[in-house]
């Protein structure tokens, strides 16, 4: 509101008050004094306070405007952050689901690998155990054969000793000598044949 408007309103105000009261000549002078006092007082006050009041109101309106703008900015920023948080939350849920799925898949692969390795190890242990058993069995069989041969030789030796008389003994030696001489003759004949062919 402009200063002129305020002054006009202040001037007209006593007139309206005067019209409202009864018209009497005795009341007019005090009324006029009061009106002049009113106009001077409020006119002066309005003149003196109009600039500071306007500055205060302008300043206050600017502060309110800035507060509203800041509040609007904060609201928009909060909404933006809320939207970002929602997007991140949605992305986070997807990431969690992806990580969970990947972990389950990796766990299953690891489980399969461990089972496969365990089966290979079990097969290797079985194979080694079979080989050891076969070696032990072969060794046992060989020992058993050697023992059997040794026992058979001992038994045969004992039987021969019991049955053989000194005449049988000298007859056995003669036969052995005879066989050796035949073998020697055969080897001499073979040498002669080879020398003729060569």
N, C-alpha and C. Protein backbone atom coordinates (compact mmCIF):
# COMPACT_ATOMS: atom_id res chain seq x y z
N UNK A 1 0.85 -1.17 0.00
CA UNK A 1 0.00 0.00 0.00
C UNK A 1 0.89 1.23 0.00
N UNK A 2 0.54 2.22 -0.79
CA UNK A 2 1.37 3.42 -0.89
C UNK A 2 1.09 4.37 0.26
N UNK A 3 2.07 5.26 0.46
CA UNK A 3 1.99 6.23 1.56
C UNK A 3 0.80 7.17 1.38
N UNK A 4 0.51 7.56 0.16
CA UNK A 4 -0.62 8.48 -0.11
C UNK A 4 -1.93 7.84 0.31
N UNK A 5 -2.09 6.60 0.01
CA UNK A 5 -3.33 5.90 0.36
C UNK A 5 -3.54 5.87 1.87
N UNK A 6 -2.43 5.61 2.59
CA UNK A 6 -2.52 5.54 4.05
C UNK A 6 -2.92 6.90 4.62
N UNK A 7 -2.33 7.97 4.09
CA UNK A 7 -2.65 9.33 4.58
C UNK A 7 -4.10 9.68 4.29
N UNK A 8 -4.59 9.32 3.12
CA UNK A 8 -6.00 9.61 2.77
C UNK A 8 -6.93 8.87 3.70
N UNK A 9 -6.61 7.61 3.98
CA UNK A 9 -7.47 6.82 4.88
C UNK A 9 -7.46 7.43 6.27
N UNK A 10 -6.29 7.84 6.74
CA UNK A 10 -6.21 8.44 8.07
C UNK A 10 -6.99 9.76 8.15
N UNK A 11 -7.01 10.51 7.06
CA UNK A 11 -7.76 11.78 7.05
C UNK A 11 -9.26 11.54 7.02
N UNK A 12 -9.69 10.55 6.30
CA UNK A 12 -11.11 10.31 6.16
C UNK A 12 -11.71 9.56 7.35
N UNK A 13 -10.90 8.89 8.09
CA UNK A 13 -11.37 8.09 9.22
C UNK A 13 -12.11 8.94 10.26
N UNK A 14 -11.60 10.08 10.67
CA UNK A 14 -12.35 10.87 11.65
C UNK A 14 -13.68 11.36 11.11
N UNK A 15 -13.72 11.60 9.83
CA UNK A 15 -14.98 12.07 9.25
C UNK A 15 -16.04 11.00 9.36
N UNK A 16 -15.66 9.78 9.10
CA UNK A 16 -16.64 8.68 9.23
C UNK A 16 -17.08 8.53 10.66
N UNK A 17 -16.12 8.68 11.59
CA UNK A 17 -16.47 8.59 13.00
C UNK A 17 -17.42 9.73 13.38
N UNK A 18 -17.19 10.93 12.86
CA UNK A 18 -18.01 12.09 13.14
C UNK A 18 -19.43 11.89 12.62
N UNK A 19 -19.56 11.33 11.46
CA UNK A 19 -20.88 11.11 10.87
C UNK A 19 -21.68 10.11 11.69
N UNK A 20 -20.98 9.20 12.29
CA UNK A 20 -21.67 8.18 13.06
C UNK A 20 -22.24 8.77 14.33
N UNK A 21 -21.64 9.78 14.93
CA UNK A 21 -22.13 10.36 16.17
C UNK A 21 -23.22 11.39 15.87
N UNK A 22 -23.93 11.77 16.89
CA UNK A 22 -24.96 12.79 16.72
C UNK A 22 -24.30 14.14 16.47
N UNK A 23 -24.93 14.92 15.66
CA UNK A 23 -24.37 16.23 15.35
C UNK A 23 -24.81 17.22 16.38
N UNK A 24 -23.80 17.68 17.09
CA UNK A 24 -24.12 18.78 17.99
C UNK A 24 -22.94 19.72 17.98
N UNK A 25 -23.18 20.97 18.14
CA UNK A 25 -22.13 21.98 18.02
C UNK A 25 -21.15 21.90 19.17
N UNK A 26 -21.64 21.45 20.31
CA UNK A 26 -20.75 21.39 21.47
C UNK A 26 -19.75 20.24 21.32
N UNK A 27 -20.11 19.24 20.59
CA UNK A 27 -19.22 18.08 20.42
C UNK A 27 -18.26 18.24 19.24
N UNK A 28 -18.49 19.25 18.43
CA UNK A 28 -17.72 19.36 17.20
C UNK A 28 -16.28 19.76 17.46
N UNK A 29 -16.04 20.71 18.35
CA UNK A 29 -14.67 21.17 18.61
C UNK A 29 -13.82 20.08 19.25
N UNK A 30 -14.31 19.40 20.26
CA UNK A 30 -13.46 18.33 20.80
C UNK A 30 -13.22 17.23 19.76
N UNK A 31 -14.25 17.03 18.97
CA UNK A 31 -14.09 16.01 17.93
C UNK A 31 -13.03 16.44 16.94
N UNK A 32 -13.07 17.69 16.56
CA UNK A 32 -12.10 18.21 15.61
C UNK A 32 -10.70 18.13 16.20
N UNK A 33 -10.54 18.40 17.48
CA UNK A 33 -9.23 18.32 18.14
C UNK A 33 -8.72 16.89 18.17
N UNK A 34 -9.67 16.03 18.52
CA UNK A 34 -9.28 14.62 18.56
C UNK A 34 -8.89 14.13 17.17
N UNK A 35 -9.63 14.58 16.19
CA UNK A 35 -9.35 14.16 14.82
C UNK A 35 -7.99 14.66 14.39
N UNK A 36 -7.71 15.94 14.69
CA UNK A 36 -6.41 16.49 14.31
C UNK A 36 -5.28 15.76 15.05
N UNK A 37 -5.50 15.51 16.34
CA UNK A 37 -4.49 14.73 17.10
C UNK A 37 -4.30 13.34 16.49
N UNK A 38 -5.40 12.76 16.14
CA UNK A 38 -5.36 11.41 15.54
C UNK A 38 -4.59 11.44 14.23
N UNK A 39 -4.91 12.43 13.39
CA UNK A 39 -4.26 12.54 12.08
C UNK A 39 -2.77 12.81 12.25
N UNK A 40 -2.44 13.70 13.15
CA UNK A 40 -1.03 14.04 13.35
C UNK A 40 -0.28 12.84 13.93
N UNK A 41 -0.88 12.24 14.94
CA UNK A 41 -0.21 11.11 15.61
C UNK A 41 -0.01 9.95 14.65
N UNK A 42 -1.10 9.50 14.06
CA UNK A 42 -1.00 8.33 13.17
C UNK A 42 -0.35 8.67 11.85
N UNK A 43 -0.53 9.91 11.39
CA UNK A 43 0.16 10.32 10.16
C UNK A 43 1.66 10.35 10.38
N UNK A 44 2.06 10.93 11.52
CA UNK A 44 3.49 10.97 11.83
C UNK A 44 4.05 9.58 12.05
N UNK A 45 3.28 8.80 12.81
CA UNK A 45 3.74 7.43 13.03
C UNK A 45 3.84 6.65 11.72
N UNK A 46 2.85 6.81 10.90
CA UNK A 46 2.88 6.09 9.63
C UNK A 46 4.02 6.60 8.75
N UNK A 47 4.29 7.91 8.82
CA UNK A 47 5.38 8.45 8.02
C UNK A 47 6.71 7.94 8.54
N UNK A 48 6.87 7.97 9.87
CA UNK A 48 8.13 7.52 10.47
C UNK A 48 8.32 6.01 10.37
N UNK A 49 7.24 5.27 10.51
CA UNK A 49 7.35 3.80 10.55
C UNK A 49 7.14 3.13 9.19
N UNK A 50 6.73 3.93 8.20
CA UNK A 50 6.41 3.29 6.93
C UNK A 50 7.63 2.66 6.28
N UNK A 51 8.78 3.37 6.25
CA UNK A 51 9.97 2.79 5.64
C UNK A 51 10.47 1.57 6.44
N UNK A 52 10.68 1.71 7.76
CA UNK A 52 11.15 0.53 8.49
C UNK A 52 10.15 -0.63 8.40
N UNK A 53 8.83 -0.27 8.46
CA UNK A 53 7.81 -1.31 8.36
C UNK A 53 7.84 -1.97 7.00
N UNK A 54 8.00 -1.15 5.95
CA UNK A 54 8.08 -1.72 4.60
C UNK A 54 9.35 -2.58 4.46
N UNK A 55 10.45 -2.03 5.00
CA UNK A 55 11.69 -2.83 4.93
C UNK A 55 11.54 -4.13 5.71
N UNK A 56 10.94 -4.04 6.89
CA UNK A 56 10.72 -5.23 7.69
C UNK A 56 9.84 -6.22 6.95
N UNK A 57 8.73 -5.70 6.38
CA UNK A 57 7.81 -6.59 5.66
C UNK A 57 8.47 -7.18 4.42
N UNK A 58 9.25 -6.32 3.71
CA UNK A 58 9.96 -6.85 2.53
C UNK A 58 10.95 -7.92 2.95
N UNK A 59 11.70 -7.59 4.02
CA UNK A 59 12.69 -8.54 4.51
C UNK A 59 12.02 -9.84 4.96
N UNK A 60 10.94 -9.65 5.69
CA UNK A 60 10.21 -10.84 6.19
C UNK A 60 9.63 -11.64 5.03
N UNK A 61 9.08 -10.95 4.03
CA UNK A 61 8.51 -11.67 2.88
C UNK A 61 9.61 -12.38 2.11
N UNK A 62 10.81 -11.71 2.00
CA UNK A 62 11.93 -12.38 1.34
C UNK A 62 12.37 -13.62 2.13
N UNK A 63 12.44 -13.47 3.46
CA UNK A 63 12.81 -14.61 4.29
C UNK A 63 11.82 -15.75 4.14
N UNK A 64 10.52 -15.37 4.14
CA UNK A 64 9.48 -16.40 3.98
C UNK A 64 9.59 -17.05 2.60
N UNK A 65 9.84 -16.19 1.59
CA UNK A 65 9.97 -16.71 0.22
C UNK A 65 11.18 -17.65 0.13
N UNK A 66 12.30 -17.20 0.74
CA UNK A 66 13.49 -18.05 0.73
C UNK A 66 13.25 -19.36 1.50
N UNK A 67 12.56 -19.22 2.64
CA UNK A 67 12.25 -20.42 3.41
C UNK A 67 11.38 -21.38 2.61
N UNK A 68 10.39 -20.80 1.90
CA UNK A 68 9.53 -21.64 1.06
C UNK A 68 10.33 -22.28 -0.07
N UNK A 69 11.24 -21.47 -0.69
CA UNK A 69 12.06 -22.03 -1.77
C UNK A 69 12.98 -23.13 -1.23
N UNK A 70 13.59 -22.85 -0.07
CA UNK A 70 14.46 -23.87 0.54
C UNK A 70 13.66 -25.12 0.89
N UNK A 71 12.47 -24.89 1.43
CA UNK A 71 11.62 -26.04 1.78
C UNK A 71 11.26 -26.83 0.52
N UNK A 72 10.95 -26.07 -0.56
CA UNK A 72 10.61 -26.73 -1.83
C UNK A 72 11.82 -27.49 -2.37
N UNK A 73 13.00 -26.83 -2.29
CA UNK A 73 14.24 -27.49 -2.73
C UNK A 73 14.51 -28.76 -1.91
N UNK A 74 14.35 -28.63 -0.59
CA UNK A 74 14.56 -29.79 0.27
C UNK A 74 13.56 -30.89 -0.04
N UNK A 75 12.32 -30.48 -0.28
CA UNK A 75 11.28 -31.46 -0.62
C UNK A 75 11.65 -32.17 -1.91
N UNK A 76 12.06 -31.39 -2.94
CA UNK A 76 12.45 -31.99 -4.21
C UNK A 76 13.67 -32.89 -4.04
N UNK A 77 14.63 -32.40 -3.24
CA UNK A 77 15.82 -33.20 -2.98
C UNK A 77 15.47 -34.49 -2.25
N UNK A 78 14.56 -34.37 -1.27
CA UNK A 78 14.13 -35.55 -0.52
C UNK A 78 13.40 -36.53 -1.44
N UNK A 79 12.55 -35.98 -2.33
CA UNK A 79 11.85 -36.84 -3.28
C UNK A 79 12.84 -37.52 -4.21
N UNK A 80 13.85 -36.72 -4.65
CA UNK A 80 14.88 -37.28 -5.53
C UNK A 80 15.63 -38.40 -4.82
N UNK A 81 16.02 -38.14 -3.57
CA UNK A 81 16.72 -39.17 -2.79
C UNK A 81 15.84 -40.38 -2.55
N UNK A 82 14.55 -40.11 -2.31
CA UNK A 82 13.61 -41.21 -2.11
C UNK A 82 13.51 -42.05 -3.37
N UNK A 83 13.43 -41.36 -4.53
CA UNK A 83 13.38 -42.11 -5.80
C UNK A 83 14.67 -42.91 -6.00
N UNK A 84 15.82 -42.27 -5.71
CA UNK A 84 17.09 -42.98 -5.83
C UNK A 84 17.13 -44.18 -4.90
N UNK A 85 16.64 -43.96 -3.66
CA UNK A 85 16.63 -45.05 -2.69
C UNK A 85 15.73 -46.19 -3.17
N UNK A 86 14.58 -45.82 -3.76
CA UNK A 86 13.69 -46.87 -4.29
C UNK A 86 14.37 -47.64 -5.41
N UNK A 87 15.03 -46.87 -6.32
CA UNK A 87 15.72 -47.53 -7.44
C UNK A 87 16.84 -48.43 -6.89
N UNK A 88 17.61 -47.89 -5.93
CA UNK A 88 18.68 -48.69 -5.33
C UNK A 88 18.12 -49.91 -4.62
N UNK A 89 16.99 -49.72 -3.93
CA UNK A 89 16.37 -50.83 -3.22
C UNK A 89 15.93 -51.91 -4.20
N UNK A 90 15.31 -51.46 -5.32
CA UNK A 90 14.91 -52.43 -6.33
C UNK A 90 16.14 -53.13 -6.90
N UNK A 91 17.19 -52.31 -7.20
CA UNK A 91 18.43 -52.88 -7.70
C UNK A 91 19.08 -53.78 -6.67
N UNK A 92 18.98 -53.40 -5.40
CA UNK A 92 19.56 -54.19 -4.32
C UNK A 92 18.85 -55.53 -4.20
N UNK A 93 17.53 -55.50 -4.31
CA UNK A 93 16.78 -56.76 -4.25
C UNK A 93 17.18 -57.68 -5.40
N UNK A 94 17.34 -57.06 -6.59
CA UNK A 94 17.77 -57.85 -7.75
C UNK A 94 19.18 -58.39 -7.52
N UNK A 95 20.07 -57.53 -6.98
CA UNK A 95 21.44 -57.97 -6.72
C UNK A 95 21.45 -59.09 -5.69
N UNK A 96 20.65 -58.94 -4.64
CA UNK A 96 20.59 -59.98 -3.60
C UNK A 96 20.10 -61.30 -4.20
N UNK A 97 19.05 -61.20 -5.03
CA UNK A 97 18.54 -62.41 -5.68
C UNK A 97 19.60 -63.02 -6.59
N UNK A 98 20.31 -62.15 -7.34
CA UNK A 98 21.36 -62.63 -8.25
C UNK A 98 22.50 -63.29 -7.46
N UNK A 99 22.94 -62.62 -6.37
CA UNK A 99 24.02 -63.15 -5.54
C UNK A 99 23.60 -64.48 -4.92
N UNK A 100 22.35 -64.53 -4.44
CA UNK A 100 21.84 -65.76 -3.83
C UNK A 100 21.82 -66.90 -4.85
N UNK A 101 21.34 -66.57 -6.06
CA UNK A 101 21.28 -67.58 -7.11
C UNK A 101 22.68 -68.04 -7.50
N UNK A 102 23.60 -67.07 -7.61
CA UNK A 102 24.98 -67.40 -7.97
C UNK A 102 25.64 -68.24 -6.88
N UNK A 103 25.36 -67.88 -5.62
CA UNK A 103 25.94 -68.64 -4.49
C UNK A 103 25.40 -70.07 -4.48
N UNK A 104 24.10 -70.21 -4.74
CA UNK A 104 23.52 -71.56 -4.79
C UNK A 104 24.14 -72.36 -5.93
N UNK A 105 24.30 -71.70 -7.08
CA UNK A 105 24.90 -72.38 -8.24
C UNK A 105 26.34 -72.77 -7.94
N UNK A 106 27.09 -71.84 -7.35
CA UNK A 106 28.48 -72.13 -7.01
C UNK A 106 28.55 -73.23 -5.96
N UNK A 107 27.66 -73.19 -4.99
CA UNK A 107 27.61 -74.23 -3.97
C UNK A 107 27.32 -75.59 -4.58
N UNK A 108 26.39 -75.63 -5.52
CA UNK A 108 26.05 -76.89 -6.19
C UNK A 108 27.24 -77.40 -7.00
N UNK A 109 27.92 -76.46 -7.72
CA UNK A 109 29.10 -76.86 -8.49
C UNK A 109 30.19 -77.40 -7.56
N UNK A 110 30.40 -76.72 -6.45
CA UNK A 110 31.41 -77.15 -5.47
C UNK A 110 31.05 -78.52 -4.89
N UNK A 111 29.77 -78.69 -4.60
CA UNK A 111 29.29 -79.99 -4.08
C UNK A 111 29.53 -81.09 -5.11
N UNK A 112 29.17 -80.81 -6.38
CA UNK A 112 29.39 -81.79 -7.44
C UNK A 112 30.87 -82.12 -7.60
N UNK A 113 31.72 -81.06 -7.52
CA UNK A 113 33.16 -81.26 -7.66
C UNK A 113 33.69 -82.13 -6.51
N UNK A 114 33.24 -81.84 -5.29
CA UNK A 114 33.69 -82.61 -4.13
C UNK A 114 33.26 -84.07 -4.26
N UNK A 115 32.00 -84.28 -4.69
CA UNK A 115 31.51 -85.66 -4.87
C UNK A 115 32.33 -86.38 -5.94
N UNK A 116 32.60 -85.66 -7.05
CA UNK A 116 33.38 -86.25 -8.14
C UNK A 116 34.78 -86.60 -7.66
N UNK A 117 35.41 -85.66 -6.93
CA UNK A 117 36.75 -85.93 -6.40
C UNK A 117 36.73 -87.08 -5.41
N UNK A 118 35.69 -87.13 -4.58
CA UNK A 118 35.58 -88.22 -3.60
C UNK A 118 35.43 -89.57 -4.32
N UNK A 119 34.64 -89.59 -5.39
CA UNK A 119 34.47 -90.84 -6.15
C UNK A 119 35.80 -91.27 -6.77
N UNK A 120 36.53 -90.30 -7.35
CA UNK A 120 37.83 -90.62 -7.94
C UNK A 120 38.77 -91.17 -6.88
N UNK A 121 38.79 -90.50 -5.73
CA UNK A 121 39.67 -90.95 -4.64
C UNK A 121 39.27 -92.34 -4.17
N UNK A 122 37.96 -92.59 -4.07
CA UNK A 122 37.49 -93.91 -3.65
C UNK A 122 37.91 -94.98 -4.66
N UNK A 123 37.79 -94.64 -5.97
CA UNK A 123 38.21 -95.59 -7.01
C UNK A 123 39.71 -95.85 -6.93
N UNK A 124 40.48 -94.79 -6.70
CA UNK A 124 41.93 -94.94 -6.60
C UNK A 124 42.30 -95.83 -5.40
N UNK A 125 41.63 -95.58 -4.28
CA UNK A 125 41.89 -96.39 -3.08
C UNK A 125 41.50 -97.84 -3.32
N UNK A 126 40.36 -98.06 -3.99
CA UNK A 126 39.94 -99.45 -4.30
C UNK A 126 40.97 -100.13 -5.20
N UNK A 127 41.42 -99.38 -6.24
CA UNK A 127 42.39 -99.95 -7.17
C UNK A 127 43.69 -100.30 -6.45
N UNK A 128 44.16 -99.37 -5.60
CA UNK A 128 45.39 -99.63 -4.85
C UNK A 128 45.21 -100.81 -3.89
N UNK A 129 44.03 -100.87 -3.26
CA UNK A 129 43.76 -101.97 -2.33
C UNK A 129 43.74 -103.30 -3.08
N UNK A 130 43.10 -103.30 -4.27
CA UNK A 130 43.08 -104.52 -5.09
C UNK A 130 44.49 -104.95 -5.47
N UNK A 131 45.31 -103.96 -5.89
CA UNK A 131 46.68 -104.28 -6.27
C UNK A 131 47.46 -104.84 -5.08
N UNK A 132 47.29 -104.21 -3.91
CA UNK A 132 47.98 -104.70 -2.72
C UNK A 132 47.53 -106.11 -2.38
N UNK A 133 46.19 -106.31 -2.47
CA UNK A 133 45.67 -107.66 -2.17
C UNK A 133 46.23 -108.67 -3.15
N UNK A 134 46.26 -108.30 -4.47
CA UNK A 134 46.79 -109.22 -5.48
C UNK A 134 48.26 -109.53 -5.21
N UNK A 135 49.02 -108.45 -4.85
CA UNK A 135 50.43 -108.66 -4.54
C UNK A 135 50.60 -109.59 -3.33
N UNK A 136 49.78 -109.32 -2.31
CA UNK A 136 49.84 -110.16 -1.11
C UNK A 136 49.46 -111.61 -1.43
N UNK A 137 48.40 -111.74 -2.24
CA UNK A 137 47.96 -113.10 -2.62
C UNK A 137 49.04 -113.79 -3.43
N UNK A 138 49.62 -113.05 -4.44
CA UNK A 138 50.68 -113.65 -5.26
C UNK A 138 51.87 -114.03 -4.39
N UNK A 139 52.23 -113.08 -3.47
CA UNK A 139 53.35 -113.37 -2.57
C UNK A 139 53.04 -114.58 -1.69
N UNK A 140 51.81 -114.63 -1.21
CA UNK A 140 51.39 -115.76 -0.38
C UNK A 140 51.42 -117.06 -1.16
N UNK A 141 50.93 -116.99 -2.41
CA UNK A 141 50.92 -118.20 -3.26
C UNK A 141 52.35 -118.64 -3.54
N UNK A 142 53.23 -117.64 -3.84
CA UNK A 142 54.63 -117.97 -4.12
C UNK A 142 55.28 -118.61 -2.90
N UNK A 143 55.03 -117.99 -1.73
CA UNK A 143 55.58 -118.57 -0.49
C UNK A 143 55.04 -119.96 -0.26
N UNK A 144 53.73 -120.12 -0.53
CA UNK A 144 53.10 -121.43 -0.35
C UNK A 144 53.70 -122.46 -1.31
N UNK A 145 53.94 -122.03 -2.57
CA UNK A 145 54.55 -122.94 -3.54
C UNK A 145 55.95 -123.33 -3.09
N UNK A 146 56.73 -122.28 -2.69
CA UNK A 146 58.10 -122.57 -2.24
C UNK A 146 58.08 -123.50 -1.04
N UNK A 147 57.18 -123.22 -0.12
CA UNK A 147 57.07 -124.08 1.05
C UNK A 147 56.68 -125.50 0.66
N UNK A 148 55.71 -125.58 -0.27
CA UNK A 148 55.24 -126.90 -0.73
C UNK A 148 56.37 -127.66 -1.41
N UNK A 149 57.14 -126.93 -2.28
CA UNK A 149 58.26 -127.59 -2.99
C UNK A 149 59.30 -128.05 -1.98
N UNK A 150 59.61 -127.16 -1.03
CA UNK A 150 60.59 -127.50 0.00
C UNK A 150 60.14 -128.72 0.80
N UNK A 151 58.87 -128.70 1.18
CA UNK A 151 58.35 -129.83 1.95
C UNK A 151 58.33 -131.11 1.12
N UNK A 152 57.95 -130.95 -0.17
CA UNK A 152 57.94 -132.13 -1.04
C UNK A 152 59.34 -132.68 -1.22
N UNK A 153 60.34 -131.76 -1.39
CA UNK A 153 61.73 -132.21 -1.55
C UNK A 153 62.20 -132.91 -0.28
N UNK A 154 61.85 -132.31 0.88
CA UNK A 154 62.24 -132.94 2.14
C UNK A 154 61.60 -134.31 2.29
N UNK A 155 60.31 -134.38 1.96
CA UNK A 155 59.62 -135.68 2.05
C UNK A 155 60.23 -136.70 1.08
N UNK A 156 60.52 -136.24 -0.13
CA UNK A 156 61.12 -137.15 -1.13
C UNK A 156 62.49 -137.60 -0.67
N UNK A 157 63.26 -136.66 -0.11
CA UNK A 157 64.59 -136.99 0.38
C UNK A 157 64.51 -138.01 1.50
N UNK A 158 63.55 -137.80 2.39
CA UNK A 158 63.38 -138.73 3.50
C UNK A 158 62.98 -140.12 2.98
N UNK A 159 62.07 -140.15 2.03
CA UNK A 159 61.63 -141.45 1.47
C UNK A 159 62.77 -142.15 0.74
N UNK A 160 63.51 -141.29 0.00
CA UNK A 160 64.62 -141.88 -0.75
C UNK A 160 65.64 -142.46 0.23
N UNK A 161 65.94 -141.70 1.28
CA UNK A 161 66.92 -142.18 2.26
C UNK A 161 66.45 -143.48 2.90
N UNK A 162 65.14 -143.56 3.18
CA UNK A 162 64.62 -144.77 3.82
C UNK A 162 64.67 -145.96 2.86
N UNK A 163 64.38 -145.73 1.60
CA UNK A 163 64.28 -146.84 0.64
C UNK A 163 65.64 -147.22 0.04
N UNK A 164 66.53 -146.25 -0.08
CA UNK A 164 67.76 -146.51 -0.81
C UNK A 164 68.77 -147.27 0.07
N UNK A 165 69.21 -148.31 -0.52
CA UNK A 165 70.25 -149.11 0.13
C UNK A 165 71.59 -148.71 -0.47
N UNK A 166 72.70 -149.16 0.07
CA UNK A 166 74.00 -148.81 -0.51
C UNK A 166 74.14 -149.34 -1.94
N UNK A 167 73.52 -150.49 -2.27
CA UNK A 167 73.59 -151.00 -3.64
C UNK A 167 72.79 -150.09 -4.57
N UNK A 168 71.61 -149.66 -4.09
CA UNK A 168 70.79 -148.74 -4.91
C UNK A 168 71.54 -147.44 -5.13
N UNK A 169 72.25 -147.06 -4.15
CA UNK A 169 72.99 -145.80 -4.23
C UNK A 169 74.09 -145.89 -5.29
N UNK A 170 74.86 -146.98 -5.28
CA UNK A 170 75.91 -147.10 -6.28
C UNK A 170 75.32 -147.33 -7.67
N UNK A 171 74.18 -148.01 -7.79
CA UNK A 171 73.51 -148.18 -9.07
C UNK A 171 73.05 -146.82 -9.59
N UNK A 172 72.53 -145.96 -8.73
CA UNK A 172 72.05 -144.62 -9.09
C UNK A 172 73.22 -143.76 -9.60
N UNK A 173 74.38 -143.87 -8.95
CA UNK A 173 75.56 -143.11 -9.35
C UNK A 173 76.04 -143.59 -10.72
N UNK A 174 76.00 -144.90 -10.93
CA UNK A 174 76.43 -145.44 -12.22
C UNK A 174 75.53 -144.95 -13.35
N UNK A 175 74.25 -144.92 -13.10
CA UNK A 175 73.30 -144.46 -14.12
C UNK A 175 73.54 -142.98 -14.43
N UNK A 176 73.82 -142.23 -13.45
CA UNK A 176 74.07 -140.79 -13.65
C UNK A 176 75.33 -140.59 -14.48
N UNK A 177 76.37 -141.37 -14.20
CA UNK A 177 77.61 -141.26 -14.95
C UNK A 177 77.36 -141.64 -16.40
N UNK A 178 76.58 -142.70 -16.59
CA UNK A 178 76.26 -143.17 -17.94
C UNK A 178 75.51 -142.09 -18.71
N UNK A 179 74.56 -141.43 -18.09
CA UNK A 179 73.79 -140.35 -18.75
C UNK A 179 74.71 -139.19 -19.12
N UNK A 180 75.60 -138.84 -18.22
CA UNK A 180 76.51 -137.73 -18.49
C UNK A 180 77.43 -138.05 -19.66
N UNK A 181 77.89 -139.29 -19.72
CA UNK A 181 78.78 -139.65 -20.84
C UNK A 181 78.01 -139.62 -22.17
N UNK A 182 76.74 -140.01 -22.15
CA UNK A 182 75.92 -139.93 -23.36
C UNK A 182 75.71 -138.48 -23.78
N UNK A 183 75.49 -137.67 -22.83
CA UNK A 183 75.33 -136.24 -23.14
C UNK A 183 76.61 -135.67 -23.71
N UNK A 184 77.74 -136.12 -23.18
CA UNK A 184 79.01 -135.62 -23.65
C UNK A 184 79.25 -136.10 -25.09
N UNK A 185 78.90 -137.35 -25.36
CA UNK A 185 79.06 -137.88 -26.72
C UNK A 185 78.18 -137.12 -27.69
N UNK A 186 76.94 -136.84 -27.29
CA UNK A 186 76.02 -136.08 -28.17
C UNK A 186 76.56 -134.69 -28.45
N UNK A 187 77.18 -134.07 -27.48
CA UNK A 187 77.69 -132.73 -27.70
C UNK A 187 78.90 -132.77 -28.63
N UNK A 188 79.71 -133.83 -28.59
CA UNK A 188 80.87 -133.98 -29.48
C UNK A 188 80.38 -134.18 -30.89
N UNK A 189 79.32 -135.02 -31.06
CA UNK A 189 78.75 -135.27 -32.38
C UNK A 189 78.19 -133.96 -32.95
N UNK A 190 77.50 -133.19 -32.13
CA UNK A 190 76.93 -131.91 -32.58
C UNK A 190 78.02 -130.97 -33.06
N UNK A 191 79.15 -130.96 -32.38
CA UNK A 191 80.27 -130.09 -32.74
C UNK A 191 80.82 -130.51 -34.10
N UNK A 192 80.92 -131.83 -34.30
CA UNK A 192 81.46 -132.33 -35.57
C UNK A 192 80.53 -131.96 -36.72
N UNK A 193 79.21 -132.12 -36.49
CA UNK A 193 78.21 -131.81 -37.52
C UNK A 193 78.29 -130.32 -37.85
N UNK A 194 78.41 -129.52 -36.88
CA UNK A 194 78.49 -128.07 -37.10
C UNK A 194 79.76 -127.68 -37.85
N UNK A 195 80.84 -128.35 -37.50
CA UNK A 195 82.10 -128.01 -38.17
C UNK A 195 82.06 -128.44 -39.65
N UNK A 196 81.38 -129.54 -39.97
CA UNK A 196 81.26 -129.99 -41.36
C UNK A 196 80.34 -129.07 -42.16
N UNK A 197 79.25 -128.61 -41.48
CA UNK A 197 78.30 -127.75 -42.17
C UNK A 197 78.86 -126.35 -42.37
N UNK A 198 79.65 -125.91 -41.44
CA UNK A 198 80.19 -124.56 -41.45
C UNK A 198 81.23 -124.41 -42.46
